[in-house]
Amino acid sequence: MTEAAIKYDVFQAIADPTRRSVLQLLAASDRPISNITEHFTISRTAVVKHLKILEQAELISAQKKGREKIYTLHSERLKEIEDWLQYFHLFWDNKLAQLKSMVEDH
């Protein structure tokens, strides 16, 4: 399978700490690649690879403005993660309620 044919899901995309940092930067504001790269010690080429994975997961998009690409966060795609985590919030709420009940009964 070629790199162009790979489609990343949201969970794969956020698995890397650099990509999570990129998402945090873009949550604050849309940014050109030059601004994004200055926040990291890795090469511009490495940052571009991370951006491509985030784009393939549809977490960000790029729009050409003049000579630069401006990257934008699509935070609605993070809802998939929130929905998945919601199950575990309910799980732990239930477990903690059971523990509280046991402690109060004794």
PDB file of N, CA and C in Angstrom:
ATOM      1  N   MET A   1       0.850  -1.177   0.000  1.00  0.00           N
ATOM      2  CA  MET A   1       0.000   0.000   0.000  1.00  0.00           C
ATOM      3  C   MET A   1       0.894   1.238   0.000  1.00  0.00           C
ATOM      4  N   THR A   2       0.628   2.166  -0.880  1.00  0.00           N
ATOM      5  CA  THR A   2       1.430   3.378  -0.946  1.00  0.00           C
ATOM      6  C   THR A   2       1.049   4.324   0.171  1.00  0.00           C
ATOM      7  N   GLU A   3       1.952   5.244   0.461  1.00  0.00           N
ATOM      8  CA  GLU A   3       1.681   6.201   1.537  1.00  0.00           C
ATOM      9  C   GLU A   3       0.439   7.025   1.228  1.00  0.00           C
ATOM     10  N   ALA A   4       0.231   7.362  -0.053  1.00  0.00           N
ATOM     11  CA  ALA A   4      -0.926   8.166  -0.441  1.00  0.00           C
ATOM     12  C   ALA A   4      -2.237   7.418  -0.193  1.00  0.00           C
ATOM     13  N   ALA A   5      -2.206   6.076  -0.231  1.00  0.00           N
ATOM     14  CA  ALA A   5      -3.416   5.288  -0.061  1.00  0.00           C
ATOM     15  C   ALA A   5      -3.771   5.071   1.407  1.00  0.00           C
ATOM     16  N   ILE A   6      -2.857   5.359   2.313  1.00  0.00           N
ATOM     17  CA  ILE A   6      -3.106   5.151   3.738  1.00  0.00           C
ATOM     18  C   ILE A   6      -4.077   6.213   4.241  1.00  0.00           C
ATOM     19  N   LYS A   7      -5.079   5.767   4.981  1.00  0.00           N
ATOM     20  CA  LYS A   7      -6.034   6.688   5.595  1.00  0.00           C
ATOM     21  C   LYS A   7      -5.952   6.460   7.096  1.00  0.00           C
ATOM     22  N   TYR A   8      -5.586   7.470   7.828  1.00  0.00           N
ATOM     23  CA  TYR A   8      -5.439   7.352   9.272  1.00  0.00           C
ATOM     24  C   TYR A   8      -6.755   7.685   9.953  1.00  0.00           C
ATOM     25  N   ASP A   9      -7.026   6.970  11.058  1.00  0.00           N
ATOM     26  CA  ASP A   9      -8.190   7.352  11.841  1.00  0.00           C
ATOM     27  C   ASP A   9      -7.748   8.321  12.935  1.00  0.00           C
ATOM     28  N   VAL A  10      -8.717   8.856  13.624  1.00  0.00           N
ATOM     29  CA  VAL A  10      -8.453   9.871  14.644  1.00  0.00           C
ATOM     30  C   VAL A  10      -7.541   9.331  15.744  1.00  0.00           C
ATOM     31  N   PHE A  11      -7.750   8.091  16.133  1.00  0.00           N
ATOM     32  CA  PHE A  11      -6.955   7.512  17.215  1.00  0.00           C
ATOM     33  C   PHE A  11      -5.498   7.324  16.807  1.00  0.00           C
ATOM     34  N   GLN A  12      -5.267   6.890  15.586  1.00  0.00           N
ATOM     35  CA  GLN A  12      -3.894   6.768  15.089  1.00  0.00           C
ATOM     36  C   GLN A  12      -3.240   8.146  15.027  1.00  0.00           C
ATOM     37  N   ALA A  13      -3.996   9.118  14.600  1.00  0.00           N
ATOM     38  CA  ALA A  13      -3.448  10.468  14.433  1.00  0.00           C
ATOM     39  C   ALA A  13      -3.022  11.082  15.758  1.00  0.00           C
ATOM     40  N   ILE A  14      -3.784  10.856  16.815  1.00  0.00           N
ATOM     41  CA  ILE A  14      -3.437  11.488  18.097  1.00  0.00           C
ATOM     42  C   ILE A  14      -2.481  10.635  18.924  1.00  0.00           C
ATOM     43  N   ALA A  15      -2.099   9.478  18.407  1.00  0.00           N
ATOM     44  CA  ALA A  15      -1.204   8.589  19.160  1.00  0.00           C
ATOM     45  C   ALA A  15       0.179   9.192  19.360  1.00  0.00           C
ATOM     46  N   ASP A  16       0.573  10.102  18.515  1.00  0.00           N
ATOM     47  CA  ASP A  16       1.914  10.683  18.581  1.00  0.00           C
ATOM     48  C   ASP A  16       1.880  12.011  19.339  1.00  0.00           C
ATOM     49  N   PRO A  17       2.792  12.208  20.302  1.00  0.00           N
ATOM     50  CA  PRO A  17       2.794  13.456  21.081  1.00  0.00           C
ATOM     51  C   PRO A  17       3.049  14.709  20.239  1.00  0.00           C
ATOM     52  N   THR A  18       3.822  14.594  19.185  1.00  0.00           N
ATOM     53  CA  THR A  18       4.054  15.756  18.317  1.00  0.00           C
ATOM     54  C   THR A  18       2.758  16.176  17.644  1.00  0.00           C
ATOM     55  N   ARG A  19       2.000  15.204  17.163  1.00  0.00           N
ATOM     56  CA  ARG A  19       0.731  15.542  16.508  1.00  0.00           C
ATOM     57  C   ARG A  19      -0.258  16.128  17.504  1.00  0.00           C
ATOM     58  N   ARG A  20      -0.247  15.626  18.730  1.00  0.00           N
ATOM     59  CA  ARG A  20      -1.125  16.223  19.748  1.00  0.00           C
ATOM     60  C   ARG A  20      -0.724  17.675  20.009  1.00  0.00           C
ATOM     61  N   SER A  21       0.561  17.947  20.019  1.00  0.00           N
ATOM     62  CA  SER A  21       1.041  19.324  20.210  1.00  0.00           C
ATOM     63  C   SER A  21       0.625  20.218  19.042  1.00  0.00           C
ATOM     64  N   VAL A  22       0.680  19.685  17.841  1.00  0.00           N
ATOM     65  CA  VAL A  22       0.236  20.450  16.667  1.00  0.00           C
ATOM     66  C   VAL A  22      -1.243  20.792  16.813  1.00  0.00           C
ATOM     67  N   LEU A  23      -2.039  19.832  17.246  1.00  0.00           N
ATOM     68  CA  LEU A  23      -3.474  20.091  17.434  1.00  0.00           C
ATOM     69  C   LEU A  23      -3.706  21.187  18.471  1.00  0.00           C
ATOM     70  N   GLN A  24      -2.908  21.172  19.537  1.00  0.00           N
ATOM     71  CA  GLN A  24      -3.044  22.222  20.556  1.00  0.00           C
ATOM     72  C   GLN A  24      -2.687  23.590  19.977  1.00  0.00           C
ATOM     73  N   LEU A  25      -1.653  23.644  19.160  1.00  0.00           N
ATOM     74  CA  LEU A  25      -1.296  24.918  18.524  1.00  0.00           C
ATOM     75  C   LEU A  25      -2.436  25.421  17.649  1.00  0.00           C
ATOM     76  N   LEU A  26      -3.004  24.508  16.856  1.00  0.00           N
ATOM     77  CA  LEU A  26      -4.068  24.907  15.935  1.00  0.00           C
ATOM     78  C   LEU A  26      -5.381  25.198  16.656  1.00  0.00           C
ATOM     79  N   ALA A  27      -5.535  24.680  17.864  1.00  0.00           N
ATOM     80  CA  ALA A  27      -6.731  25.007  18.651  1.00  0.00           C
ATOM     81  C   ALA A  27      -6.723  26.484  19.032  1.00  0.00           C
ATOM     82  N   ALA A  28      -5.528  27.025  19.204  1.00  0.00           N
ATOM     83  CA  ALA A  28      -5.401  28.443  19.568  1.00  0.00           C
ATOM     84  C   ALA A  28      -5.665  29.349  18.370  1.00  0.00           C
ATOM     85  N   SER A  29      -5.177  28.936  17.191  1.00  0.00           N
ATOM     86  CA  SER A  29      -5.393  29.738  15.978  1.00  0.00           C
ATOM     87  C   SER A  29      -4.898  28.991  14.754  1.00  0.00           C
ATOM     88  N   ASP A  30      -5.443  29.363  13.609  1.00  0.00           N
ATOM     89  CA  ASP A  30      -4.937  28.842  12.338  1.00  0.00           C
ATOM     90  C   ASP A  30      -3.498  29.317  12.188  1.00  0.00           C
ATOM     91  N   ARG A  31      -2.650  28.488  11.578  1.00  0.00           N
ATOM     92  CA  ARG A  31      -1.232  28.836  11.499  1.00  0.00           C
ATOM     93  C   ARG A  31      -0.621  28.386  10.179  1.00  0.00           C
ATOM     94  N   PRO A  32       0.332  29.166   9.694  1.00  0.00           N
ATOM     95  CA  PRO A  32       1.111  28.708   8.546  1.00  0.00           C
ATOM     96  C   PRO A  32       2.149  27.688   9.004  1.00  0.00           C
ATOM     97  N   ILE A  33       2.638  26.905   8.091  1.00  0.00           N
ATOM     98  CA  ILE A  33       3.605  25.871   8.445  1.00  0.00           C
ATOM     99  C   ILE A  33       4.859  26.465   9.071  1.00  0.00           C
ATOM    100  N   SER A  34       5.260  27.645   8.623  1.00  0.00           N
ATOM    101  CA  SER A  34       6.465  28.263   9.202  1.00  0.00           C
ATOM    102  C   SER A  34       6.291  28.508  10.697  1.00  0.00           C
ATOM    103  N   ASN A  35       5.096  28.891  11.105  1.00  0.00           N
ATOM    104  CA  ASN A  35       4.834  29.112  12.527  1.00  0.00           C
ATOM    105  C   ASN A  35       4.775  27.793  13.284  1.00  0.00           C
ATOM    106  N   ILE A  36       4.198  26.787  12.681  1.00  0.00           N
ATOM    107  CA  ILE A  36       4.107  25.482  13.342  1.00  0.00           C
ATOM    108  C   ILE A  36       5.499  24.904  13.563  1.00  0.00           C
ATOM    109  N   THR A  37       6.330  24.943  12.543  1.00  0.00           N
ATOM    110  CA  THR A  37       7.660  24.323  12.646  1.00  0.00           C
ATOM    111  C   THR A  37       8.543  24.986  13.690  1.00  0.00           C
ATOM    112  N   GLU A  38       8.360  26.253  13.949  1.00  0.00           N
ATOM    113  CA  GLU A  38       9.224  26.917  14.927  1.00  0.00           C
ATOM    114  C   GLU A  38       8.952  26.469  16.369  1.00  0.00           C
ATOM    115  N   HIS A  39       7.878  25.745  16.583  1.00  0.00           N
ATOM    116  CA  HIS A  39       7.550  25.228  17.917  1.00  0.00           C
ATOM    117  C   HIS A  39       8.182  23.866  18.204  1.00  0.00           C
ATOM    118  N   PHE A  40       8.890  23.304  17.224  1.00  0.00           N
ATOM    119  CA  PHE A  40       9.433  21.959  17.367  1.00  0.00           C
ATOM    120  C   PHE A  40      10.921  21.929  17.037  1.00  0.00           C
ATOM    121  N   THR A  41      11.607  20.967  17.612  1.00  0.00           N
ATOM    122  CA  THR A  41      13.039  20.802  17.344  1.00  0.00           C
ATOM    123  C   THR A  41      13.287  19.838  16.188  1.00  0.00           C
ATOM    124  N   ILE A  42      12.232  19.241  15.656  1.00  0.00           N
ATOM    125  CA  ILE A  42      12.371  18.328  14.529  1.00  0.00           C
ATOM    126  C   ILE A  42      12.412  19.117  13.226  1.00  0.00           C
ATOM    127  N   SER A  43      12.800  18.468  12.148  1.00  0.00           N
ATOM    128  CA  SER A  43      12.927  19.138  10.854  1.00  0.00           C
ATOM    129  C   SER A  43      11.564  19.529  10.292  1.00  0.00           C
ATOM    130  N   ARG A  44      11.576  20.448   9.370  1.00  0.00           N
ATOM    131  CA  ARG A  44      10.345  20.859   8.686  1.00  0.00           C
ATOM    132  C   ARG A  44       9.733  19.668   7.962  1.00  0.00           C
ATOM    133  N   THR A  45      10.581  18.825   7.377  1.00  0.00           N
ATOM    134  CA  THR A  45      10.100  17.637   6.675  1.00  0.00           C
ATOM    135  C   THR A  45       9.343  16.718   7.627  1.00  0.00           C
ATOM    136  N   ALA A  46       9.853  16.546   8.840  1.00  0.00           N
ATOM    137  CA  ALA A  46       9.178  15.713   9.836  1.00  0.00           C
ATOM    138  C   ALA A  46       7.837  16.331  10.233  1.00  0.00           C
ATOM    139  N   VAL A  47       7.805  17.639  10.395  1.00  0.00           N
ATOM    140  CA  VAL A  47       6.546  18.323  10.733  1.00  0.00           C
ATOM    141  C   VAL A  47       5.536  18.125   9.608  1.00  0.00           C
ATOM    142  N   VAL A  48       5.980  18.239   8.376  1.00  0.00           N
ATOM    143  CA  VAL A  48       5.088  18.050   7.220  1.00  0.00           C
ATOM    144  C   VAL A  48       4.491  16.643   7.235  1.00  0.00           C
ATOM    145  N   LYS A  49       5.287  15.643   7.576  1.00  0.00           N
ATOM    146  CA  LYS A  49       4.766  14.268   7.650  1.00  0.00           C
ATOM    147  C   LYS A  49       3.679  14.163   8.713  1.00  0.00           C
ATOM    148  N   HIS A  50       3.884  14.796   9.854  1.00  0.00           N
ATOM    149  CA  HIS A  50       2.864  14.795  10.906  1.00  0.00           C
ATOM    150  C   HIS A  50       1.598  15.513  10.430  1.00  0.00           C
ATOM    151  N   LEU A  51       1.773  16.625   9.739  1.00  0.00           N
ATOM    152  CA  LEU A  51       0.618  17.368   9.226  1.00  0.00           C
ATOM    153  C   LEU A  51      -0.169  16.534   8.222  1.00  0.00           C
ATOM    154  N   LYS A  52       0.513  15.772   7.394  1.00  0.00           N
ATOM    155  CA  LYS A  52      -0.173  14.926   6.412  1.00  0.00           C
ATOM    156  C   LYS A  52      -1.024  13.868   7.102  1.00  0.00           C
ATOM    157  N   ILE A  53      -0.502  13.286   8.167  1.00  0.00           N
ATOM    158  CA  ILE A  53      -1.273  12.284   8.914  1.00  0.00           C
ATOM    159  C   ILE A  53      -2.509  12.924   9.535  1.00  0.00           C
ATOM    160  N   LEU A  54      -2.350  14.105  10.098  1.00  0.00           N
ATOM    161  CA  LEU A  54      -3.498  14.816  10.675  1.00  0.00           C
ATOM    162  C   LEU A  54      -4.520  15.173   9.604  1.00  0.00           C
ATOM    163  N   GLU A  55      -4.045  15.528   8.412  1.00  0.00           N
ATOM    164  CA  GLU A  55      -4.960  15.818   7.303  1.00  0.00           C
ATOM    165  C   GLU A  55      -5.702  14.559   6.861  1.00  0.00           C
ATOM    166  N   GLN A  56      -4.982  13.442   6.772  1.00  0.00           N
ATOM    167  CA  GLN A  56      -5.611  12.187   6.344  1.00  0.00           C
ATOM    168  C   GLN A  56      -6.660  11.724   7.350  1.00  0.00           C
ATOM    169  N   ALA A  57      -6.480  12.068   8.598  1.00  0.00           N
ATOM    170  CA  ALA A  57      -7.474  11.754   9.630  1.00  0.00           C
ATOM    171  C   ALA A  57      -8.584  12.801   9.682  1.00  0.00           C
ATOM    172  N   GLU A  58      -8.477  13.796   8.822  1.00  0.00           N
ATOM    173  CA  GLU A  58      -9.450  14.889   8.719  1.00  0.00           C
ATOM    174  C   GLU A  58      -9.559  15.713   9.991  1.00  0.00           C
ATOM    175  N   LEU A  59      -8.462  15.754  10.750  1.00  0.00           N
ATOM    176  CA  LEU A  59      -8.415  16.599  11.944  1.00  0.00           C
ATOM    177  C   LEU A  59      -8.013  18.024  11.606  1.00  0.00           C
ATOM    178  N   ILE A  60      -7.294  18.189  10.509  1.00  0.00           N
ATOM    179  CA  ILE A  60      -6.886  19.520  10.058  1.00  0.00           C
ATOM    180  C   ILE A  60      -7.064  19.604   8.548  1.00  0.00           C
ATOM    181  N   SER A  61      -7.033  20.820   8.057  1.00  0.00           N
ATOM    182  CA  SER A  61      -7.006  21.034   6.612  1.00  0.00           C
ATOM    183  C   SER A  61      -6.043  22.181   6.339  1.00  0.00           C
ATOM    184  N   ALA A  62      -5.616  22.252   5.096  1.00  0.00           N
ATOM    185  CA  ALA A  62      -4.688  23.307   4.693  1.00  0.00           C
ATOM    186  C   ALA A  62      -5.286  24.069   3.528  1.00  0.00           C
ATOM    187  N   GLN A  63      -5.098  25.372   3.582  1.00  0.00           N
ATOM    188  CA  GLN A  63      -5.554  26.218   2.488  1.00  0.00           C
ATOM    189  C   GLN A  63      -4.385  27.088   2.057  1.00  0.00           C
ATOM    190  N   LYS A  64      -4.134  27.109   0.769  1.00  0.00           N
ATOM    191  CA  LYS A  64      -3.037  27.892   0.231  1.00  0.00           C
ATOM    192  C   LYS A  64      -3.420  29.373   0.263  1.00  0.00           C
ATOM    193  N   LYS A  65      -2.568  30.175   0.894  1.00  0.00           N
ATOM    194  CA  LYS A  65      -2.740  31.634   0.919  1.00  0.00           C
ATOM    195  C   LYS A  65      -1.407  32.242   0.542  1.00  0.00           C
ATOM    196  N   GLY A  66      -1.353  32.791  -0.645  1.00  0.00           N
ATOM    197  CA  GLY A  66      -0.087  33.325  -1.115  1.00  0.00           C
ATOM    198  C   GLY A  66       0.908  32.202  -1.297  1.00  0.00           C
ATOM    199  N   ARG A  67       2.053  32.339  -0.672  1.00  0.00           N
ATOM    200  CA  ARG A  67       3.105  31.326  -0.809  1.00  0.00           C
ATOM    201  C   ARG A  67       3.078  30.280   0.295  1.00  0.00           C
ATOM    202  N   GLU A  68       2.149  30.416   1.241  1.00  0.00           N
ATOM    203  CA  GLU A  68       2.122  29.488   2.372  1.00  0.00           C
ATOM    204  C   GLU A  68       0.798  28.742   2.446  1.00  0.00           C
ATOM    205  N   LYS A  69       0.861  27.613   3.127  1.00  0.00           N
ATOM    206  CA  LYS A  69      -0.352  26.882   3.477  1.00  0.00           C
ATOM    207  C   LYS A  69      -0.715  27.267   4.901  1.00  0.00           C
ATOM    208  N   ILE A  70      -1.976  27.551   5.105  1.00  0.00           N
ATOM    209  CA  ILE A  70      -2.485  27.855   6.439  1.00  0.00           C
ATOM    210  C   ILE A  70      -3.271  26.630   6.910  1.00  0.00           C
ATOM    211  N   TYR A  71      -2.904  26.138   8.077  1.00  0.00           N
ATOM    212  CA  TYR A  71      -3.531  24.940   8.631  1.00  0.00           C
ATOM    213  C   TYR A  71      -4.609  25.325   9.633  1.00  0.00           C
ATOM    214  N   THR A  72      -5.727  24.597   9.563  1.00  0.00           N
ATOM    215  CA  THR A  72      -6.897  24.843  10.395  1.00  0.00           C
ATOM    216  C   THR A  72      -7.316  23.554  11.088  1.00  0.00           C
ATOM    217  N   LEU A  73      -7.645  23.641  12.351  1.00  0.00           N
ATOM    218  CA  LEU A  73      -8.123  22.499  13.124  1.00  0.00           C
ATOM    219  C   LEU A  73      -9.596  22.252  12.830  1.00  0.00           C
ATOM    220  N   HIS A  74      -9.970  20.989  12.728  1.00  0.00           N
ATOM    221  CA  HIS A  74     -11.376  20.587  12.625  1.00  0.00           C
ATOM    222  C   HIS A  74     -11.726  19.841  13.909  1.00  0.00           C
ATOM    223  N   SER A  75     -12.008  20.598  14.948  1.00  0.00           N
ATOM    224  CA  SER A  75     -12.203  20.025  16.286  1.00  0.00           C
ATOM    225  C   SER A  75     -13.406  19.095  16.369  1.00  0.00           C
ATOM    226  N   GLU A  76     -14.360  19.225  15.461  1.00  0.00           N
ATOM    227  CA  GLU A  76     -15.521  18.339  15.497  1.00  0.00           C
ATOM    228  C   GLU A  76     -15.113  16.879  15.309  1.00  0.00           C
ATOM    229  N   ARG A  77     -13.977  16.648  14.661  1.00  0.00           N
ATOM    230  CA  ARG A  77     -13.484  15.276  14.482  1.00  0.00           C
ATOM    231  C   ARG A  77     -13.019  14.663  15.803  1.00  0.00           C
ATOM    232  N   LEU A  78     -12.722  15.498  16.786  1.00  0.00           N
ATOM    233  CA  LEU A  78     -12.310  14.994  18.100  1.00  0.00           C
ATOM    234  C   LEU A  78     -13.496  14.433  18.876  1.00  0.00           C
ATOM    235  N   LYS A  79     -14.700  14.687  18.408  1.00  0.00           N
ATOM    236  CA  LYS A  79     -15.912  14.164  19.045  1.00  0.00           C
ATOM    237  C   LYS A  79     -15.876  12.644  19.100  1.00  0.00           C
ATOM    238  N   GLU A  80     -15.279  12.015  18.095  1.00  0.00           N
ATOM    239  CA  GLU A  80     -15.165  10.557  18.075  1.00  0.00           C
ATOM    240  C   GLU A  80     -14.407  10.052  19.311  1.00  0.00           C
ATOM    241  N   ILE A  81     -13.380  10.780  19.698  1.00  0.00           N
ATOM    242  CA  ILE A  81     -12.603  10.419  20.884  1.00  0.00           C
ATOM    243  C   ILE A  81     -13.425  10.671  22.138  1.00  0.00           C
ATOM    244  N   GLU A  82     -14.083  11.797  22.177  1.00  0.00           N
ATOM    245  CA  GLU A  82     -14.924  12.124  23.335  1.00  0.00           C
ATOM    246  C   GLU A  82     -16.015  11.066  23.530  1.00  0.00           C
ATOM    247  N   ASP A  83     -16.638  10.652  22.437  1.00  0.00           N
ATOM    248  CA  ASP A  83     -17.685   9.634  22.526  1.00  0.00           C
ATOM    249  C   ASP A  83     -17.122   8.314  23.059  1.00  0.00           C
ATOM    250  N   TRP A  84     -15.940   7.953  22.600  1.00  0.00           N
ATOM    251  CA  TRP A  84     -15.311   6.714  23.044  1.00  0.00           C
ATOM    252  C   TRP A  84     -14.968   6.794  24.526  1.00  0.00           C
ATOM    253  N   LEU A  85     -14.451   7.942  24.964  1.00  0.00           N
ATOM    254  CA  LEU A  85     -14.079   8.125  26.365  1.00  0.00           C
ATOM    255  C   LEU A  85     -15.290   8.189  27.284  1.00  0.00           C
ATOM    256  N   GLN A  86     -16.416   8.616  26.733  1.00  0.00           N
ATOM    257  CA  GLN A  86     -17.624   8.749  27.548  1.00  0.00           C
ATOM    258  C   GLN A  86     -17.998   7.418  28.208  1.00  0.00           C
ATOM    259  N   TYR A  87     -17.810   6.331  27.483  1.00  0.00           N
ATOM    260  CA  TYR A  87     -18.084   5.017  28.061  1.00  0.00           C
ATOM    261  C   TYR A  87     -17.279   4.824  29.341  1.00  0.00           C
ATOM    262  N   PHE A  88     -16.016   5.200  29.323  1.00  0.00           N
ATOM    263  CA  PHE A  88     -15.154   4.990  30.479  1.00  0.00           C
ATOM    264  C   PHE A  88     -15.489   5.947  31.618  1.00  0.00           C
ATOM    265  N   HIS A  89     -15.979   7.126  31.292  1.00  0.00           N
ATOM    266  CA  HIS A  89     -16.459   8.027  32.351  1.00  0.00           C
ATOM    267  C   HIS A  89     -17.626   7.367  33.084  1.00  0.00           C
ATOM    268  N   LEU A  90     -18.548   6.807  32.327  1.00  0.00           N
ATOM    269  CA  LEU A  90     -19.700   6.131  32.928  1.00  0.00           C
ATOM    270  C   LEU A  90     -19.246   4.910  33.733  1.00  0.00           C
ATOM    271  N   PHE A  91     -18.292   4.169  33.195  1.00  0.00           N
ATOM    272  CA  PHE A  91     -17.749   3.001  33.876  1.00  0.00           C
ATOM    273  C   PHE A  91     -17.176   3.399  35.230  1.00  0.00           C
ATOM    274  N   TRP A  92     -16.316   4.432  35.253  1.00  0.00           N
ATOM    275  CA  TRP A  92     -15.674   4.829  36.510  1.00  0.00           C
ATOM    276  C   TRP A  92     -16.662   5.487  37.463  1.00  0.00           C
ATOM    277  N   ASP A  93     -17.603   6.231  36.935  1.00  0.00           N
ATOM    278  CA  ASP A  93     -18.633   6.808  37.807  1.00  0.00           C
ATOM    279  C   ASP A  93     -19.391   5.697  38.533  1.00  0.00           C
ATOM    280  N   ASN A  94     -19.719   4.654  37.796  1.00  0.00           N
ATOM    281  CA  ASN A  94     -20.435   3.517  38.380  1.00  0.00           C
ATOM    282  C   ASN A  94     -19.573   2.819  39.436  1.00  0.00           C
ATOM    283  N   LYS A  95     -18.323   2.577  39.112  1.00  0.00           N
ATOM    284  CA  LYS A  95     -17.418   1.899  40.058  1.00  0.00           C
ATOM    285  C   LYS A  95     -17.227   2.743  41.323  1.00  0.00           C
ATOM    286  N   LEU A  96     -17.068   4.038  41.161  1.00  0.00           N
ATOM    287  CA  LEU A  96     -16.876   4.910  42.322  1.00  0.00           C
ATOM    288  C   LEU A  96     -18.137   4.982  43.172  1.00  0.00           C
ATOM    289  N   ALA A  97     -19.293   4.956  42.513  1.00  0.00           N
ATOM    290  CA  ALA A  97     -20.557   4.960  43.264  1.00  0.00           C
ATOM    291  C   ALA A  97     -20.691   3.674  44.071  1.00  0.00           C
ATOM    292  N   GLN A  98     -20.282   2.544  43.485  1.00  0.00           N
ATOM    293  CA  GLN A  98     -20.316   1.272  44.205  1.00  0.00           C
ATOM    294  C   GLN A  98     -19.367   1.293  45.405  1.00  0.00           C
ATOM    295  N   LEU A  99     -18.188   1.820  45.214  1.00  0.00           N
ATOM    296  CA  LEU A  99     -17.221   1.918  46.307  1.00  0.00           C
ATOM    297  C   LEU A  99     -17.748   2.816  47.421  1.00  0.00           C
ATOM    298  N   LYS A 100     -18.312   3.943  47.047  1.00  0.00           N
ATOM    299  CA  LYS A 100     -18.879   4.862  48.052  1.00  0.00           C
ATOM    300  C   LYS A 100     -19.971   4.160  48.852  1.00  0.00           C
ATOM    301  N   SER A 101     -20.818   3.407  48.147  1.00  0.00           N
ATOM    302  CA  SER A 101     -21.898   2.690  48.820  1.00  0.00           C
ATOM    303  C   SER A 101     -21.338   1.652  49.800  1.00  0.00           C
ATOM    304  N   MET A 102     -20.301   0.938  49.374  1.00  0.00           N
ATOM    305  CA  MET A 102     -19.685  -0.060  50.261  1.00  0.00           C
ATOM    306  C   MET A 102     -19.077   0.581  51.490  1.00  0.00           C
ATOM    307  N   VAL A 103     -18.397   1.706  51.298  1.00  0.00           N
ATOM    308  CA  VAL A 103     -17.733   2.393  52.409  1.00  0.00           C
ATOM    309  C   VAL A 103     -18.777   2.946  53.384  1.00  0.00           C
ATOM    310  N   GLU A 104     -19.842   3.511  52.861  1.00  0.00           N
ATOM    311  CA  GLU A 104     -20.878   4.102  53.712  1.00  0.00           C
ATOM    312  C   GLU A 104     -21.669   3.023  54.470  1.00  0.00           C
ATOM    313  N   ASP A 105     -21.773   1.833  53.884  1.00  0.00           N
ATOM    314  CA  ASP A 105     -22.518   0.735  54.520  1.00  0.00           C
ATOM    315  C   ASP A 105     -21.747   0.132  55.694  1.00  0.00           C
ATOM    316  N   HIS A 106     -20.448   0.349  55.730  1.00  0.00           N
ATOM    317  CA  HIS A 106     -19.638  -0.270  56.801  1.00  0.00           C
ATOM    318  C   HIS A 106     -19.315   0.710  57.854  1.00  0.00           C
TER     319      HIS A 106
END
